[in-house]
Amino acid sequence: MPIIVTLDVMLAKRKMRSKDLAQFVNITEQNISLLKSGKVKGLRFETLEKICDVLDCQPADILMYEKNSPEE
């Protein structure tokens, strides 16, 4: 998948646990885990906004686009 989720990196930089982020954003810890692993098909802008607010970051700090390699 060309969208890479680097939420785990930002959590580490902010010294925050997934459990704490889930509480602040008001979503389940399992949904945070799915998001971190890139196993979600979509993300509401409202949720992304809350995550960025809590982590004091920009969407580009937790989402990255990477072109598929020609071999794929």
N, C-alpha and C. Protein backbone atom coordinates (compact mmCIF):
# COMPACT_ATOMS: atom_id res chain seq x y z
N MET A 1 0.85 -1.18 0.00
CA MET A 1 0.00 0.00 0.00
C MET A 1 0.89 1.24 0.00
N PRO A 2 0.58 2.21 -0.85
CA PRO A 2 1.46 3.38 -0.94
C PRO A 2 1.33 4.37 0.21
N ILE A 3 0.30 4.27 1.04
CA ILE A 3 0.18 5.16 2.20
C ILE A 3 0.82 4.46 3.40
N ILE A 4 1.81 5.08 3.97
CA ILE A 4 2.53 4.54 5.12
C ILE A 4 2.11 5.33 6.36
N VAL A 5 1.71 4.62 7.40
CA VAL A 5 1.30 5.26 8.65
C VAL A 5 2.47 5.21 9.63
N THR A 6 2.91 6.39 10.07
CA THR A 6 4.04 6.47 10.99
C THR A 6 3.59 6.99 12.36
N LEU A 7 2.38 6.62 12.73
CA LEU A 7 1.82 7.06 14.01
C LEU A 7 2.66 6.57 15.17
N ASP A 8 3.19 5.36 15.08
CA ASP A 8 4.00 4.81 16.16
C ASP A 8 5.26 5.66 16.41
N VAL A 9 5.82 6.20 15.34
CA VAL A 9 7.01 7.05 15.47
C VAL A 9 6.65 8.34 16.22
N MET A 10 5.52 8.94 15.84
CA MET A 10 5.10 10.18 16.49
C MET A 10 4.74 9.93 17.96
N LEU A 11 4.12 8.80 18.24
CA LEU A 11 3.81 8.46 19.64
C LEU A 11 5.10 8.35 20.45
N ALA A 12 6.11 7.72 19.87
CA ALA A 12 7.39 7.58 20.56
C ALA A 12 8.04 8.94 20.79
N LYS A 13 7.99 9.82 19.78
CA LYS A 13 8.56 11.16 19.92
C LYS A 13 7.88 11.95 21.03
N ARG A 14 6.57 11.75 21.16
CA ARG A 14 5.81 12.47 22.18
C ARG A 14 5.74 11.73 23.51
N LYS A 15 6.40 10.56 23.55
CA LYS A 15 6.42 9.72 24.76
C LYS A 15 5.00 9.46 25.27
N MET A 16 4.15 9.06 24.33
CA MET A 16 2.75 8.79 24.65
C MET A 16 2.42 7.35 24.27
N ARG A 17 1.57 6.73 25.06
CA ARG A 17 1.14 5.36 24.79
C ARG A 17 -0.13 5.39 23.94
N SER A 18 -0.32 4.32 23.18
CA SER A 18 -1.52 4.20 22.35
C SER A 18 -2.78 4.30 23.19
N LYS A 19 -2.72 3.73 24.37
CA LYS A 19 -3.87 3.75 25.28
C LYS A 19 -4.27 5.18 25.62
N ASP A 20 -3.28 6.02 25.91
CA ASP A 20 -3.55 7.42 26.25
C ASP A 20 -4.11 8.18 25.05
N LEU A 21 -3.54 7.95 23.87
CA LEU A 21 -4.03 8.60 22.67
C LEU A 21 -5.48 8.20 22.40
N ALA A 22 -5.77 6.94 22.55
CA ALA A 22 -7.13 6.45 22.32
C ALA A 22 -8.12 7.16 23.24
N GLN A 23 -7.74 7.37 24.48
CA GLN A 23 -8.63 8.05 25.43
C GLN A 23 -8.83 9.51 25.03
N PHE A 24 -7.76 10.19 24.65
CA PHE A 24 -7.87 11.60 24.26
C PHE A 24 -8.71 11.78 22.99
N VAL A 25 -8.55 10.87 22.04
CA VAL A 25 -9.23 10.97 20.76
C VAL A 25 -10.64 10.37 20.83
N ASN A 26 -10.89 9.59 21.86
CA ASN A 26 -12.18 8.95 22.08
C ASN A 26 -12.48 7.87 21.03
N ILE A 27 -11.45 7.04 20.74
CA ILE A 27 -11.64 5.85 19.93
C ILE A 27 -11.00 4.69 20.68
N THR A 28 -11.27 3.48 20.23
CA THR A 28 -10.77 2.33 20.96
C THR A 28 -9.27 2.15 20.74
N GLU A 29 -8.65 1.52 21.70
CA GLU A 29 -7.22 1.22 21.60
C GLU A 29 -6.96 0.28 20.42
N GLN A 30 -7.92 -0.60 20.16
CA GLN A 30 -7.78 -1.51 19.02
C GLN A 30 -7.77 -0.73 17.70
N ASN A 31 -8.59 0.31 17.60
CA ASN A 31 -8.58 1.13 16.37
C ASN A 31 -7.26 1.86 16.20
N ILE A 32 -6.67 2.30 17.29
CA ILE A 32 -5.34 2.92 17.23
C ILE A 32 -4.33 1.90 16.72
N SER A 33 -4.42 0.68 17.24
CA SER A 33 -3.51 -0.38 16.83
C SER A 33 -3.67 -0.70 15.34
N LEU A 34 -4.91 -0.76 14.87
CA LEU A 34 -5.16 -1.02 13.45
C LEU A 34 -4.61 0.12 12.60
N LEU A 35 -4.77 1.33 13.06
CA LEU A 35 -4.26 2.48 12.33
C LEU A 35 -2.73 2.43 12.27
N LYS A 36 -2.09 2.14 13.40
CA LYS A 36 -0.63 2.06 13.44
C LYS A 36 -0.09 0.99 12.49
N SER A 37 -0.82 -0.11 12.36
CA SER A 37 -0.36 -1.20 11.50
C SER A 37 -0.72 -0.98 10.04
N GLY A 38 -1.50 0.06 9.74
CA GLY A 38 -1.87 0.35 8.36
C GLY A 38 -2.98 -0.54 7.84
N LYS A 39 -3.71 -1.19 8.74
CA LYS A 39 -4.76 -2.13 8.32
C LYS A 39 -6.14 -1.49 8.23
N VAL A 40 -6.20 -0.18 8.16
CA VAL A 40 -7.50 0.50 8.02
C VAL A 40 -7.68 0.92 6.56
N LYS A 41 -8.91 0.95 6.13
CA LYS A 41 -9.21 1.35 4.75
C LYS A 41 -9.46 2.85 4.64
N GLY A 42 -9.78 3.49 5.77
CA GLY A 42 -10.05 4.91 5.74
C GLY A 42 -9.90 5.52 7.12
N LEU A 43 -9.89 6.84 7.12
CA LEU A 43 -9.73 7.59 8.37
C LEU A 43 -10.52 8.88 8.25
N ARG A 44 -11.40 9.11 9.19
CA ARG A 44 -12.19 10.35 9.17
C ARG A 44 -11.27 11.54 9.43
N PHE A 45 -11.54 12.64 8.72
CA PHE A 45 -10.76 13.85 8.95
C PHE A 45 -10.91 14.32 10.39
N GLU A 46 -12.08 14.12 10.97
CA GLU A 46 -12.31 14.51 12.36
C GLU A 46 -11.36 13.76 13.30
N THR A 47 -11.19 12.47 13.05
CA THR A 47 -10.28 11.66 13.87
C THR A 47 -8.84 12.09 13.65
N LEU A 48 -8.47 12.32 12.39
CA LEU A 48 -7.12 12.78 12.07
C LEU A 48 -6.85 14.12 12.74
N GLU A 49 -7.84 15.00 12.72
CA GLU A 49 -7.70 16.31 13.37
C GLU A 49 -7.44 16.16 14.86
N LYS A 50 -8.19 15.28 15.52
CA LYS A 50 -8.01 15.06 16.96
C LYS A 50 -6.63 14.49 17.26
N ILE A 51 -6.19 13.53 16.45
CA ILE A 51 -4.88 12.92 16.65
C ILE A 51 -3.79 13.99 16.52
N CYS A 52 -3.89 14.81 15.48
CA CYS A 52 -2.90 15.87 15.27
C CYS A 52 -2.93 16.89 16.39
N ASP A 53 -4.12 17.19 16.90
CA ASP A 53 -4.23 18.14 18.00
C ASP A 53 -3.55 17.59 19.26
N VAL A 54 -3.83 16.34 19.59
CA VAL A 54 -3.26 15.73 20.79
C VAL A 54 -1.74 15.59 20.68
N LEU A 55 -1.28 15.19 19.49
CA LEU A 55 0.16 14.97 19.31
C LEU A 55 0.91 16.23 18.87
N ASP A 56 0.17 17.33 18.68
CA ASP A 56 0.76 18.59 18.24
C ASP A 56 1.63 18.36 17.00
N CYS A 57 0.98 17.83 15.95
CA CYS A 57 1.70 17.54 14.73
C CYS A 57 0.83 17.84 13.52
N GLN A 58 1.37 17.65 12.34
CA GLN A 58 0.66 17.81 11.08
C GLN A 58 0.33 16.42 10.53
N PRO A 59 -0.71 16.31 9.68
CA PRO A 59 -1.02 15.00 9.09
C PRO A 59 0.18 14.36 8.41
N ALA A 60 1.03 15.17 7.80
CA ALA A 60 2.22 14.64 7.12
C ALA A 60 3.21 14.01 8.10
N ASP A 61 3.07 14.32 9.38
CA ASP A 61 3.96 13.72 10.38
C ASP A 61 3.56 12.27 10.69
N ILE A 62 2.33 11.90 10.35
CA ILE A 62 1.88 10.54 10.67
C ILE A 62 1.42 9.75 9.44
N LEU A 63 1.31 10.42 8.30
CA LEU A 63 0.93 9.75 7.05
C LEU A 63 1.94 10.11 5.97
N MET A 64 2.34 9.10 5.20
CA MET A 64 3.35 9.31 4.18
C MET A 64 2.92 8.59 2.90
N TYR A 65 3.14 9.20 1.76
CA TYR A 65 2.84 8.55 0.48
C TYR A 65 4.13 8.04 -0.14
N GLU A 66 4.10 6.78 -0.56
CA GLU A 66 5.26 6.19 -1.20
C GLU A 66 4.80 5.49 -2.47
N LYS A 67 5.35 5.88 -3.60
CA LYS A 67 4.95 5.25 -4.87
C LYS A 67 5.30 3.79 -4.86
N ASN A 68 4.45 3.01 -5.53
CA ASN A 68 4.75 1.58 -5.67
C ASN A 68 5.98 1.41 -6.54
N SER A 69 6.77 0.42 -6.19
CA SER A 69 7.95 0.14 -7.02
C SER A 69 7.49 -0.54 -8.31
N PRO A 70 8.26 -0.43 -9.39
CA PRO A 70 7.87 -1.02 -10.68
C PRO A 70 7.69 -2.54 -10.63
N GLU A 71 8.32 -3.19 -9.65
CA GLU A 71 8.21 -4.64 -9.54
C GLU A 71 6.83 -5.08 -9.06
N GLU A 72 6.09 -4.18 -8.42
CA GLU A 72 4.80 -4.55 -7.82
C GLU A 72 3.72 -4.64 -8.86
